[in-house]
Amino acid sequence: DYPVLGAFWTAMWIFLWVLWIVLLFRIIGDIFRDDTLG
């Protein structure tokens, strides 16, 4: 009952969500690492 295109879009949304979380943590790490910011 679950079409192949539906599975593709589900995998795509999961990938984008994980990518977003990684980017968010990378930016937070960069904020703390930056010595030029007070």
Full PDB file with SEQRES, HELIX, SHEET, SSBOND, CRYST1, ORIGX, SCALE, CONECT and MASTER records, all heavy atoms in Angstrom:
SEQRES   1 A   38  ASP TYR PRO VAL LEU GLY ALA PHE TRP THR ALA MET TRP          
SEQRES   2 A   38  ILE PHE LEU TRP VAL LEU TRP ILE VAL LEU LEU PHE ARG          
SEQRES   3 A   38  ILE ILE GLY ASP ILE PHE ARG ASP ASP THR LEU GLY              
HELIX    1 AA1 VAL A    4  ARG A   33  1                                  30    
CRYST1    1.000    1.000    1.000  90.00  90.00  90.00 P 1           1          
ORIGX1      1.000000  0.000000  0.000000        0.00000                         
ORIGX2      0.000000  1.000000  0.000000        0.00000                         
ORIGX3      0.000000  0.000000  1.000000        0.00000                         
SCALE1      1.000000  0.000000  0.000000        0.00000                         
SCALE2      0.000000  1.000000  0.000000        0.00000                         
SCALE3      0.000000  0.000000  1.000000        0.00000                         
ATOM      1  N   ASP A   1       0.814  -1.206   0.000  1.00  0.00           N  
ATOM      2  CA  ASP A   1       0.000   0.000   0.000  1.00  0.00           C  
ATOM      3  C   ASP A   1       0.854   1.266   0.000  1.00  0.00           C  
ATOM      4  O   ASP A   1       0.329   2.359  -0.174  1.00  0.00           O  
ATOM      5  CB  ASP A   1      -0.914   0.038   1.225  1.00  0.00           C  
ATOM      6  CG  ASP A   1      -2.005  -1.009   1.152  1.00  0.00           C  
ATOM      7  OD1 ASP A   1      -2.347  -1.410   0.027  1.00  0.00           O  
ATOM      8  OD2 ASP A   1      -2.496  -1.406   2.220  1.00  0.00           O  
ATOM      9  N   TYR A   2       2.135   1.124   0.230  1.00  0.00           N  
ATOM     10  CA  TYR A   2       3.034   2.280   0.321  1.00  0.00           C  
ATOM     11  C   TYR A   2       3.812   2.381  -0.981  1.00  0.00           C  
ATOM     12  O   TYR A   2       4.684   1.568  -1.254  1.00  0.00           O  
ATOM     13  CB  TYR A   2       3.982   2.086   1.514  1.00  0.00           C  
ATOM     14  CG  TYR A   2       4.634   3.355   2.002  1.00  0.00           C  
ATOM     15  CD1 TYR A   2       3.882   4.395   2.506  1.00  0.00           C  
ATOM     16  CD2 TYR A   2       6.010   3.502   1.960  1.00  0.00           C  
ATOM     17  CE1 TYR A   2       4.485   5.553   2.963  1.00  0.00           C  
ATOM     18  CE2 TYR A   2       6.620   4.658   2.408  1.00  0.00           C  
ATOM     19  CZ  TYR A   2       5.849   5.683   2.914  1.00  0.00           C  
ATOM     20  OH  TYR A   2       6.436   6.827   3.367  1.00  0.00           O  
ATOM     21  N   PRO A   3       3.546   3.379  -1.800  1.00  0.00           N  
ATOM     22  CA  PRO A   3       4.194   3.446  -3.118  1.00  0.00           C  
ATOM     23  C   PRO A   3       5.686   3.759  -3.008  1.00  0.00           C  
ATOM     24  O   PRO A   3       6.157   4.306  -2.021  1.00  0.00           O  
ATOM     25  CB  PRO A   3       3.444   4.577  -3.824  1.00  0.00           C  
ATOM     26  CG  PRO A   3       2.856   5.399  -2.742  1.00  0.00           C  
ATOM     27  CD  PRO A   3       2.622   4.481  -1.582  1.00  0.00           C  
ATOM     28  N   VAL A   4       6.397   3.416  -4.064  1.00  0.00           N  
ATOM     29  CA  VAL A   4       7.838   3.621  -4.106  1.00  0.00           C  
ATOM     30  C   VAL A   4       8.172   5.102  -4.005  1.00  0.00           C  
ATOM     31  O   VAL A   4       9.117   5.498  -3.312  1.00  0.00           O  
ATOM     32  CB  VAL A   4       8.439   3.002  -5.394  1.00  0.00           C  
ATOM     33  CG1 VAL A   4       9.911   3.335  -5.531  1.00  0.00           C  
ATOM     34  CG2 VAL A   4       8.233   1.518  -5.396  1.00  0.00           C  
ATOM     35  N   LEU A   5       7.410   5.938  -4.664  1.00  0.00           N  
ATOM     36  CA  LEU A   5       7.654   7.375  -4.600  1.00  0.00           C  
ATOM     37  C   LEU A   5       7.442   7.897  -3.176  1.00  0.00           C  
ATOM     38  O   LEU A   5       8.174   8.774  -2.712  1.00  0.00           O  
ATOM     39  CB  LEU A   5       6.749   8.125  -5.585  1.00  0.00           C  
ATOM     40  CG  LEU A   5       7.032   9.611  -5.749  1.00  0.00           C  
ATOM     41  CD1 LEU A   5       8.469   9.823  -6.221  1.00  0.00           C  
ATOM     42  CD2 LEU A   5       6.053  10.244  -6.724  1.00  0.00           C  
ATOM     43  N   GLY A   6       6.480   7.347  -2.483  1.00  0.00           N  
ATOM     44  CA  GLY A   6       6.267   7.723  -1.082  1.00  0.00           C  
ATOM     45  C   GLY A   6       7.455   7.346  -0.221  1.00  0.00           C  
ATOM     46  O   GLY A   6       7.871   8.100   0.663  1.00  0.00           O  
ATOM     47  N   ALA A   7       8.012   6.177  -0.455  1.00  0.00           N  
ATOM     48  CA  ALA A   7       9.202   5.757   0.289  1.00  0.00           C  
ATOM     49  C   ALA A   7      10.374   6.667  -0.032  1.00  0.00           C  
ATOM     50  O   ALA A   7      11.164   7.034   0.853  1.00  0.00           O  
ATOM     51  CB  ALA A   7       9.549   4.310  -0.051  1.00  0.00           C  
ATOM     52  N   PHE A   8      10.492   7.057  -1.309  1.00  0.00           N  
ATOM     53  CA  PHE A   8      11.562   7.976  -1.698  1.00  0.00           C  
ATOM     54  C   PHE A   8      11.422   9.303  -0.962  1.00  0.00           C  
ATOM     55  O   PHE A   8      12.400   9.835  -0.437  1.00  0.00           O  
ATOM     56  CB  PHE A   8      11.535   8.207  -3.214  1.00  0.00           C  
ATOM     57  CG  PHE A   8      12.440   9.314  -3.652  1.00  0.00           C  
ATOM     58  CD1 PHE A   8      13.809   9.124  -3.714  1.00  0.00           C  
ATOM     59  CD2 PHE A   8      11.921  10.563  -4.001  1.00  0.00           C  
ATOM     60  CE1 PHE A   8      14.652  10.149  -4.108  1.00  0.00           C  
ATOM     61  CE2 PHE A   8      12.752  11.586  -4.399  1.00  0.00           C  
ATOM     62  CZ  PHE A   8      14.120  11.382  -4.453  1.00  0.00           C  
ATOM     63  N   TRP A   9      10.203   9.876  -0.930  1.00  0.00           N  
ATOM     64  CA  TRP A   9      10.009  11.167  -0.269  1.00  0.00           C  
ATOM     65  C   TRP A   9      10.230  11.053   1.238  1.00  0.00           C  
ATOM     66  O   TRP A   9      10.764  11.973   1.861  1.00  0.00           O  
ATOM     67  CB  TRP A   9       8.625  11.724  -0.568  1.00  0.00           C  
ATOM     68  CG  TRP A   9       8.554  12.329  -1.930  1.00  0.00           C  
ATOM     69  CD1 TRP A   9       7.826  11.875  -2.979  1.00  0.00           C  
ATOM     70  CD2 TRP A   9       9.292  13.467  -2.395  1.00  0.00           C  
ATOM     71  NE1 TRP A   9       8.044  12.659  -4.087  1.00  0.00           N  
ATOM     72  CE2 TRP A   9       8.947  13.663  -3.750  1.00  0.00           C  
ATOM     73  CE3 TRP A   9      10.198  14.343  -1.822  1.00  0.00           C  
ATOM     74  CZ2 TRP A   9       9.466  14.676  -4.529  1.00  0.00           C  
ATOM     75  CZ3 TRP A   9      10.719  15.366  -2.598  1.00  0.00           C  
ATOM     76  CH2 TRP A   9      10.356  15.523  -3.925  1.00  0.00           C  
ATOM     77  N   THR A  10       9.844   9.957   1.830  1.00  0.00           N  
ATOM     78  CA  THR A  10      10.097   9.760   3.258  1.00  0.00           C  
ATOM     79  C   THR A  10      11.595   9.727   3.531  1.00  0.00           C  
ATOM     80  O   THR A  10      12.083  10.379   4.457  1.00  0.00           O  
ATOM     81  CB  THR A  10       9.443   8.450   3.743  1.00  0.00           C  
ATOM     82  OG1 THR A  10       8.040   8.511   3.499  1.00  0.00           O  
ATOM     83  CG2 THR A  10       9.704   8.221   5.217  1.00  0.00           C  
ATOM     84  N   ALA A  11      12.341   8.983   2.711  1.00  0.00           N  
ATOM     85  CA  ALA A  11      13.797   8.935   2.874  1.00  0.00           C  
ATOM     86  C   ALA A  11      14.414  10.309   2.649  1.00  0.00           C  
ATOM     87  O   ALA A  11      15.353  10.711   3.351  1.00  0.00           O  
ATOM     88  CB  ALA A  11      14.400   7.910   1.911  1.00  0.00           C  
ATOM     89  N   MET A  12      13.881  11.063   1.694  1.00  0.00           N  
ATOM     90  CA  MET A  12      14.395  12.410   1.417  1.00  0.00           C  
ATOM     91  C   MET A  12      14.172  13.333   2.602  1.00  0.00           C  
ATOM     92  O   MET A  12      15.071  14.079   2.998  1.00  0.00           O  
ATOM     93  CB  MET A  12      13.708  12.981   0.171  1.00  0.00           C  
ATOM     94  CG  MET A  12      14.115  14.395  -0.129  1.00  0.00           C  
ATOM     95  SD  MET A  12      15.734  14.457  -0.837  1.00  0.00           S  
ATOM     96  CE  MET A  12      15.260  14.593  -2.519  1.00  0.00           C  
ATOM     97  N   TRP A  13      12.986  13.295   3.195  1.00  0.00           N  
ATOM     98  CA  TRP A  13      12.706  14.159   4.341  1.00  0.00           C  
ATOM     99  C   TRP A  13      13.559  13.778   5.555  1.00  0.00           C  
ATOM    100  O   TRP A  13      14.027  14.655   6.293  1.00  0.00           O  
ATOM    101  CB  TRP A  13      11.220  14.130   4.694  1.00  0.00           C  
ATOM    102  CG  TRP A  13      10.417  14.970   3.767  1.00  0.00           C  
ATOM    103  CD1 TRP A  13       9.495  14.540   2.868  1.00  0.00           C  
ATOM    104  CD2 TRP A  13      10.489  16.393   3.618  1.00  0.00           C  
ATOM    105  NE1 TRP A  13       8.986  15.595   2.158  1.00  0.00           N  
ATOM    106  CE2 TRP A  13       9.579  16.756   2.608  1.00  0.00           C  
ATOM    107  CE3 TRP A  13      11.229  17.394   4.228  1.00  0.00           C  
ATOM    108  CZ2 TRP A  13       9.387  18.071   2.213  1.00  0.00           C  
ATOM    109  CZ3 TRP A  13      11.035  18.709   3.828  1.00  0.00           C  
ATOM    110  CH2 TRP A  13      10.134  19.043   2.834  1.00  0.00           C  
ATOM    111  N   ILE A  14      13.777  12.504   5.753  1.00  0.00           N  
ATOM    112  CA  ILE A  14      14.640  12.072   6.865  1.00  0.00           C  
ATOM    113  C   ILE A  14      16.063  12.551   6.627  1.00  0.00           C  
ATOM    114  O   ILE A  14      16.722  13.065   7.538  1.00  0.00           O  
ATOM    115  CB  ILE A  14      14.572  10.537   7.040  1.00  0.00           C  
ATOM    116  CG1 ILE A  14      13.198  10.134   7.566  1.00  0.00           C  
ATOM    117  CG2 ILE A  14      15.674  10.053   7.976  1.00  0.00           C  
ATOM    118  CD1 ILE A  14      12.952   8.649   7.588  1.00  0.00           C  
ATOM    119  N   PHE A  15      16.552  12.421   5.400  1.00  0.00           N  
ATOM    120  CA  PHE A  15      17.897  12.892   5.064  1.00  0.00           C  
ATOM    121  C   PHE A  15      18.019  14.400   5.302  1.00  0.00           C  
ATOM    122  O   PHE A  15      18.995  14.874   5.882  1.00  0.00           O  
ATOM    123  CB  PHE A  15      18.218  12.552   3.610  1.00  0.00           C  
ATOM    124  CG  PHE A  15      19.497  13.156   3.124  1.00  0.00           C  
ATOM    125  CD1 PHE A  15      20.713  12.635   3.513  1.00  0.00           C  
ATOM    126  CD2 PHE A  15      19.479  14.265   2.283  1.00  0.00           C  
ATOM    127  CE1 PHE A  15      21.901  13.200   3.079  1.00  0.00           C  
ATOM    128  CE2 PHE A  15      20.656  14.830   1.832  1.00  0.00           C  
ATOM    129  CZ  PHE A  15      21.874  14.303   2.240  1.00  0.00           C  
ATOM    130  N   LEU A  16      17.035  15.167   4.839  1.00  0.00           N  
ATOM    131  CA  LEU A  16      17.080  16.624   5.026  1.00  0.00           C  
ATOM    132  C   LEU A  16      17.007  17.011   6.499  1.00  0.00           C  
ATOM    133  O   LEU A  16      17.663  17.954   6.939  1.00  0.00           O  
ATOM    134  CB  LEU A  16      15.951  17.295   4.236  1.00  0.00           C  
ATOM    135  CG  LEU A  16      16.114  17.272   2.727  1.00  0.00           C  
ATOM    136  CD1 LEU A  16      14.873  17.833   2.050  1.00  0.00           C  
ATOM    137  CD2 LEU A  16      17.356  18.044   2.304  1.00  0.00           C  
ATOM    138  N   TRP A  17      16.230  16.278   7.274  1.00  0.00           N  
ATOM    139  CA  TRP A  17      16.127  16.553   8.702  1.00  0.00           C  
ATOM    140  C   TRP A  17      17.474  16.304   9.397  1.00  0.00           C  
ATOM    141  O   TRP A  17      17.934  17.118  10.194  1.00  0.00           O  
ATOM    142  CB  TRP A  17      15.029  15.682   9.307  1.00  0.00           C  
ATOM    143  CG  TRP A  17      14.805  15.931  10.756  1.00  0.00           C  
ATOM    144  CD1 TRP A  17      14.151  16.971  11.326  1.00  0.00           C  
ATOM    145  CD2 TRP A  17      15.263  15.105  11.829  1.00  0.00           C  
ATOM    146  NE1 TRP A  17      14.170  16.836  12.688  1.00  0.00           N  
ATOM    147  CE2 TRP A  17      14.850  15.707  13.022  1.00  0.00           C  
ATOM    148  CE3 TRP A  17      15.986  13.921  11.895  1.00  0.00           C  
ATOM    149  CZ2 TRP A  17      15.125  15.166  14.265  1.00  0.00           C  
ATOM    150  CZ3 TRP A  17      16.259  13.379  13.131  1.00  0.00           C  
ATOM    151  CH2 TRP A  17      15.829  14.001  14.296  1.00  0.00           C  
ATOM    152  N   VAL A  18      18.119  15.192   9.087  1.00  0.00           N  
ATOM    153  CA  VAL A  18      19.430  14.885   9.667  1.00  0.00           C  
ATOM    154  C   VAL A  18      20.461  15.914   9.212  1.00  0.00           C  
ATOM    155  O   VAL A  18      21.275  16.390  10.025  1.00  0.00           O  
ATOM    156  CB  VAL A  18      19.872  13.449   9.296  1.00  0.00           C  
ATOM    157  CG1 VAL A  18      21.321  13.200   9.663  1.00  0.00           C  
ATOM    158  CG2 VAL A  18      18.963  12.428   9.970  1.00  0.00           C  
ATOM    159  N   LEU A  19      20.414  16.299   7.948  1.00  0.00           N  
ATOM    160  CA  LEU A  19      21.315  17.330   7.437  1.00  0.00           C  
ATOM    161  C   LEU A  19      21.118  18.644   8.184  1.00  0.00           C  
ATOM    162  O   LEU A  19      22.087  19.327   8.531  1.00  0.00           O  
ATOM    163  CB  LEU A  19      21.081  17.519   5.933  1.00  0.00           C  
ATOM    164  CG  LEU A  19      21.996  18.493   5.222  1.00  0.00           C  
ATOM    165  CD1 LEU A  19      23.403  17.922   5.159  1.00  0.00           C  
ATOM    166  CD2 LEU A  19      21.472  18.769   3.824  1.00  0.00           C  
ATOM    167  N   TRP A  20      19.881  18.993   8.441  1.00  0.00           N  
ATOM    168  CA  TRP A  20      19.579  20.226   9.175  1.00  0.00           C  
ATOM    169  C   TRP A  20      20.140  20.175  10.602  1.00  0.00           C  
ATOM    170  O   TRP A  20      20.741  21.145  11.073  1.00  0.00           O  
ATOM    171  CB  TRP A  20      18.068  20.455   9.209  1.00  0.00           C  
ATOM    172  CG  TRP A  20      17.730  21.672   9.986  1.00  0.00           C  
ATOM    173  CD1 TRP A  20      17.210  21.732  11.229  1.00  0.00           C  
ATOM    174  CD2 TRP A  20      17.945  23.020   9.579  1.00  0.00           C  
ATOM    175  NE1 TRP A  20      17.077  23.028  11.616  1.00  0.00           N  
ATOM    176  CE2 TRP A  20      17.525  23.845  10.612  1.00  0.00           C  
ATOM    177  CE3 TRP A  20      18.467  23.606   8.420  1.00  0.00           C  
ATOM    178  CZ2 TRP A  20      17.600  25.212  10.547  1.00  0.00           C  
ATOM    179  CZ3 TRP A  20      18.535  24.972   8.355  1.00  0.00           C  
ATOM    180  CH2 TRP A  20      18.100  25.769   9.400  1.00  0.00           C  
ATOM    181  N   ILE A  21      19.974  19.059  11.279  1.00  0.00           N  
ATOM    182  CA  ILE A  21      20.491  18.923  12.642  1.00  0.00           C  
ATOM    183  C   ILE A  21      22.012  19.025  12.644  1.00  0.00           C  
ATOM    184  O   ILE A  21      22.602  19.706  13.495  1.00  0.00           O  
ATOM    185  CB  ILE A  21      20.030  17.582  13.268  1.00  0.00           C  
ATOM    186  CG1 ILE A  21      18.513  17.550  13.410  1.00  0.00           C  
ATOM    187  CG2 ILE A  21      20.705  17.333  14.598  1.00  0.00           C  
ATOM    188  CD1 ILE A  21      17.943  18.578  14.359  1.00  0.00           C  
ATOM    189  N   VAL A  22      22.676  18.377  11.693  1.00  0.00           N  
ATOM    190  CA  VAL A  22      24.135  18.448  11.608  1.00  0.00           C  
ATOM    191  C   VAL A  22      24.585  19.881  11.359  1.00  0.00           C  
ATOM    192  O   VAL A  22      25.523  20.375  12.000  1.00  0.00           O  
ATOM    193  CB  VAL A  22      24.660  17.491  10.514  1.00  0.00           C  
ATOM    194  CG1 VAL A  22      26.121  17.754  10.215  1.00  0.00           C  
ATOM    195  CG2 VAL A  22      24.443  16.048  10.924  1.00  0.00           C  
ATOM    196  N   LEU A  23      23.911  20.584  10.464  1.00  0.00           N  
ATOM    197  CA  LEU A  23      24.255  21.980  10.174  1.00  0.00           C  
ATOM    198  C   LEU A  23      24.040  22.861  11.402  1.00  0.00           C  
ATOM    199  O   LEU A  23      24.877  23.728  11.710  1.00  0.00           O  
ATOM    200  CB  LEU A  23      23.420  22.493   8.997  1.00  0.00           C  
ATOM    201  CG  LEU A  23      23.678  23.929   8.552  1.00  0.00           C  
ATOM    202  CD1 LEU A  23      25.118  24.075   8.074  1.00  0.00           C  
ATOM    203  CD2 LEU A  23      22.706  24.333   7.470  1.00  0.00           C  
ATOM    204  N   LEU A  24      22.967  22.645  12.113  1.00  0.00           N  
ATOM    205  CA  LEU A  24      22.685  23.431  13.315  1.00  0.00           C  
ATOM    206  C   LEU A  24      23.781  23.240  14.361  1.00  0.00           C  
ATOM    207  O   LEU A  24      24.299  24.213  14.922  1.00  0.00           O  
ATOM    208  CB  LEU A  24      21.318  23.034  13.878  1.00  0.00           C  
ATOM    209  CG  LEU A  24      20.832  23.811  15.099  1.00  0.00           C  
ATOM    210  CD1 LEU A  24      20.590  25.267  14.726  1.00  0.00           C  
ATOM    211  CD2 LEU A  24      19.559  23.191  15.623  1.00  0.00           C  
ATOM    212  N   PHE A  25      24.175  22.006  14.610  1.00  0.00           N  
ATOM    213  CA  PHE A  25      25.228  21.757  15.597  1.00  0.00           C  
ATOM    214  C   PHE A  25      26.583  22.270  15.118  1.00  0.00           C  
ATOM    215  O   PHE A  25      27.400  22.725  15.914  1.00  0.00           O  
ATOM    216  CB  PHE A  25      25.308  20.266  15.949  1.00  0.00           C  
ATOM    217  CG  PHE A  25      24.277  19.850  16.949  1.00  0.00           C  
ATOM    218  CD1 PHE A  25      23.154  19.151  16.546  1.00  0.00           C  
ATOM    219  CD2 PHE A  25      24.416  20.178  18.277  1.00  0.00           C  
ATOM    220  CE1 PHE A  25      22.198  18.778  17.462  1.00  0.00           C  
ATOM    221  CE2 PHE A  25      23.471  19.807  19.208  1.00  0.00           C  
ATOM    222  CZ  PHE A  25      22.338  19.109  18.802  1.00  0.00           C  
ATOM    223  N   ARG A  26      26.821  22.195  13.830  1.00  0.00           N  
ATOM    224  CA  ARG A  26      28.081  22.723  13.284  1.00  0.00           C  
ATOM    225  C   ARG A  26      28.169  24.239  13.472  1.00  0.00           C  
ATOM    226  O   ARG A  26      29.220  24.777  13.810  1.00  0.00           O  
ATOM    227  CB  ARG A  26      28.167  22.353  11.810  1.00  0.00           C  
ATOM    228  CG  ARG A  26      29.379  22.854  11.144  1.00  0.00           C  
ATOM    229  CD  ARG A  26      30.168  21.730  10.625  1.00  0.00           C  
ATOM    230  NE  ARG A  26      31.405  22.276  10.103  1.00  0.00           N  
ATOM    231  CZ  ARG A  26      32.077  21.737   9.156  1.00  0.00           C  
ATOM    232  NH1 ARG A  26      31.674  20.629   8.637  1.00  0.00           N  
ATOM    233  NH2 ARG A  26      33.185  22.273   8.743  1.00  0.00           N  
ATOM    234  N   ILE A  27      27.058  24.913  13.269  1.00  0.00           N  
ATOM    235  CA  ILE A  27      27.037  26.367  13.453  1.00  0.00           C  
ATOM    236  C   ILE A  27      27.182  26.724  14.927  1.00  0.00           C  
ATOM    237  O   ILE A  27      27.914  27.654  15.276  1.00  0.00           O  
ATOM    238  CB  ILE A  27      25.758  26.962  12.832  1.00  0.00           C  
ATOM    239  CG1 ILE A  27      25.911  26.932  11.320  1.00  0.00           C  
ATOM    240  CG2 ILE A  27      25.501  28.372  13.334  1.00  0.00           C  
ATOM    241  CD1 ILE A  27      24.701  27.383  10.562  1.00  0.00           C  
ATOM    242  N   ILE A  28      26.533  25.988  15.795  1.00  0.00           N  
ATOM    243  CA  ILE A  28      26.679  26.255  17.230  1.00  0.00           C  
ATOM    244  C   ILE A  28      28.131  26.030  17.652  1.00  0.00           C  
ATOM    245  O   ILE A  28      28.703  26.819  18.410  1.00  0.00           O  
ATOM    246  CB  ILE A  28      25.698  25.385  18.053  1.00  0.00           C  
ATOM    247  CG1 ILE A  28      24.257  25.871  17.816  1.00  0.00           C  
ATOM    248  CG2 ILE A  28      26.047  25.419  19.531  1.00  0.00           C  
ATOM    249  CD1 ILE A  28      23.196  24.986  18.416  1.00  0.00           C  
ATOM    250  N   GLY A  29      28.766  24.979  17.145  1.00  0.00           N  
ATOM    251  CA  GLY A  29      30.184  24.750  17.431  1.00  0.00           C  
ATOM    252  C   GLY A  29      31.061  25.863  16.897  1.00  0.00           C  
ATOM    253  O   GLY A  29      32.024  26.289  17.538  1.00  0.00           O  
ATOM    254  N   ASP A  30      30.728  26.387  15.714  1.00  0.00           N  
ATOM    255  CA  ASP A  30      31.498  27.481  15.135  1.00  0.00           C  
ATOM    256  C   ASP A  30      31.336  28.755  15.950  1.00  0.00           C  
ATOM    257  O   ASP A  30      32.289  29.519  16.101  1.00  0.00           O  
ATOM    258  CB  ASP A  30      31.070  27.720  13.691  1.00  0.00           C  
ATOM    259  CG  ASP A  30      31.939  28.752  13.010  1.00  0.00           C  
ATOM    260  OD1 ASP A  30      33.153  28.483  12.870  1.00  0.00           O  
ATOM    261  OD2 ASP A  30      31.424  29.820  12.632  1.00  0.00           O  
ATOM    262  N   ILE A  31      30.146  28.987  16.490  1.00  0.00           N  
ATOM    263  CA  ILE A  31      29.931  30.164  17.338  1.00  0.00           C  
ATOM    264  C   ILE A  31      30.847  30.095  18.550  1.00  0.00           C  
ATOM    265  O   ILE A  31      31.501  31.082  18.916  1.00  0.00           O  
ATOM    266  CB  ILE A  31      28.451  30.266  17.761  1.00  0.00           C  
ATOM    267  CG1 ILE A  31      27.586  30.626  16.561  1.00  0.00           C  
ATOM    268  CG2 ILE A  31      28.277  31.296  18.874  1.00  0.00           C  
ATOM    269  CD1 ILE A  31      26.091  30.531  16.820  1.00  0.00           C  
ATOM    270  N   PHE A  32      30.926  28.953  19.193  1.00  0.00           N  
ATOM    271  CA  PHE A  32      31.777  28.826  20.377  1.00  0.00           C  
ATOM    272  C   PHE A  32      33.263  28.831  20.028  1.00  0.00           C  
ATOM    273  O   PHE A  32      34.084  29.266  20.824  1.00  0.00           O  
ATOM    274  CB  PHE A  32      31.430  27.550  21.152  1.00  0.00           C  
ATOM    275  CG  PHE A  32      30.167  27.670  21.942  1.00  0.00           C  
ATOM    276  CD1 PHE A  32      29.059  26.919  21.604  1.00  0.00           C  
ATOM    277  CD2 PHE A  32      30.082  28.536  23.013  1.00  0.00           C  
ATOM    278  CE1 PHE A  32      27.895  27.025  22.328  1.00  0.00           C  
ATOM    279  CE2 PHE A  32      28.916  28.647  23.748  1.00  0.00           C  
ATOM    280  CZ  PHE A  32      27.803  27.893  23.401  1.00  0.00           C  
ATOM    281  N   ARG A  33      33.634  28.342  18.855  1.00  0.00           N  
ATOM    282  CA  ARG A  33      35.036  28.248  18.458  1.00  0.00           C  
ATOM    283  C   ARG A  33      35.625  29.594  18.035  1.00  0.00           C  
ATOM    284  O   ARG A  33      36.827  29.808  18.118  1.00  0.00           O  
ATOM    285  CB  ARG A  33      35.173  27.249  17.313  1.00  0.00           C  
ATOM    286  CG  ARG A  33      36.597  27.045  16.871  1.00  0.00           C  
ATOM    287  CD  ARG A  33      36.725  26.050  15.752  1.00  0.00           C  
ATOM    288  NE  ARG A  33      36.204  24.763  16.167  1.00  0.00           N  
ATOM    289  CZ  ARG A  33      35.329  24.063  15.460  1.00  0.00           C  
ATOM    290  NH1 ARG A  33      34.877  24.494  14.323  1.00  0.00           N  
ATOM    291  NH2 ARG A  33      34.905  22.900  15.897  1.00  0.00           N  
ATOM    292  N   ASP A  34      34.783  30.518  17.567  1.00  0.00           N  
ATOM    293  CA  ASP A  34      35.255  31.783  17.007  1.00  0.00           C  
ATOM    294  C   ASP A  34      35.856  32.666  18.094  1.00  0.00           C  
ATOM    295  O   ASP A  34      35.185  33.068  19.039  1.00  0.00           O  
ATOM    296  CB  ASP A  34      34.099  32.503  16.317  1.00  0.00           C  
ATOM    297  CG  ASP A  34      34.566  33.684  15.503  1.00  0.00           C  
ATOM    298  OD1 ASP A  34      35.789  33.885  15.392  1.00  0.00           O  
ATOM    299  OD2 ASP A  34      33.700  34.397  14.961  1.00  0.00           O  
ATOM    300  N   ASP A  35      37.155  32.974  17.951  1.00  0.00           N  
ATOM    301  CA  ASP A  35      37.842  33.811  18.930  1.00  0.00           C  
ATOM    302  C   ASP A  35      37.615  35.293  18.683  1.00  0.00           C  
ATOM    303  O   ASP A  35      37.875  36.108  19.562  1.00  0.00           O  
ATOM    304  CB  ASP A  35      39.346  33.523  18.899  1.00  0.00           C  
ATOM    305  CG  ASP A  35      39.667  32.120  19.367  1.00  0.00           C  
ATOM    306  OD1 ASP A  35      38.876  31.560  20.153  1.00  0.00           O  
ATOM    307  OD2 ASP A  35      40.711  31.577  18.938  1.00  0.00           O  
ATOM    308  N   THR A  36      37.158  35.665  17.492  1.00  0.00           N  
ATOM    309  CA  THR A  36      36.974  37.082  17.187  1.00  0.00           C  
ATOM    310  C   THR A  36      35.670  37.624  17.766  1.00  0.00           C  
ATOM    311  O   THR A  36      35.539  38.829  17.935  1.00  0.00           O  
ATOM    312  CB  THR A  36      36.983  37.322  15.664  1.00  0.00           C  
ATOM    313  OG1 THR A  36      35.914  36.590  15.065  1.00  0.00           O  
ATOM    314  CG2 THR A  36      38.311  36.881  15.066  1.00  0.00           C  
ATOM    315  N   LEU A  37      34.716  36.758  18.041  1.00  0.00           N  
ATOM    316  CA  LEU A  37      33.453  37.192  18.635  1.00  0.00           C  
ATOM    317  C   LEU A  37      33.617  37.323  20.135  1.00  0.00           C  
ATOM    318  O   LEU A  37      34.216  36.469  20.791  1.00  0.00           O  
ATOM    319  CB  LEU A  37      32.351  36.169  18.366  1.00  0.00           C  
ATOM    320  CG  LEU A  37      31.585  36.254  17.066  1.00  0.00           C  
ATOM    321  CD1 LEU A  37      30.597  35.095  16.981  1.00  0.00           C  
ATOM    322  CD2 LEU A  37      30.868  37.555  16.929  1.00  0.00           C  
ATOM    323  N   GLY A  38      33.046  38.372  20.683  1.00  0.00           N  
ATOM    324  CA  GLY A  38      33.040  38.528  22.131  1.00  0.00           C  
ATOM    325  C   GLY A  38      31.897  37.741  22.741  1.00  0.00           C  
ATOM    326  O   GLY A  38      31.117  37.071  22.051  1.00  0.00           O  
TER     327      GLY A  38                                                      
MASTER        0    0    0    1    0    0    0    6  326    1    0    3          
END                                                                             
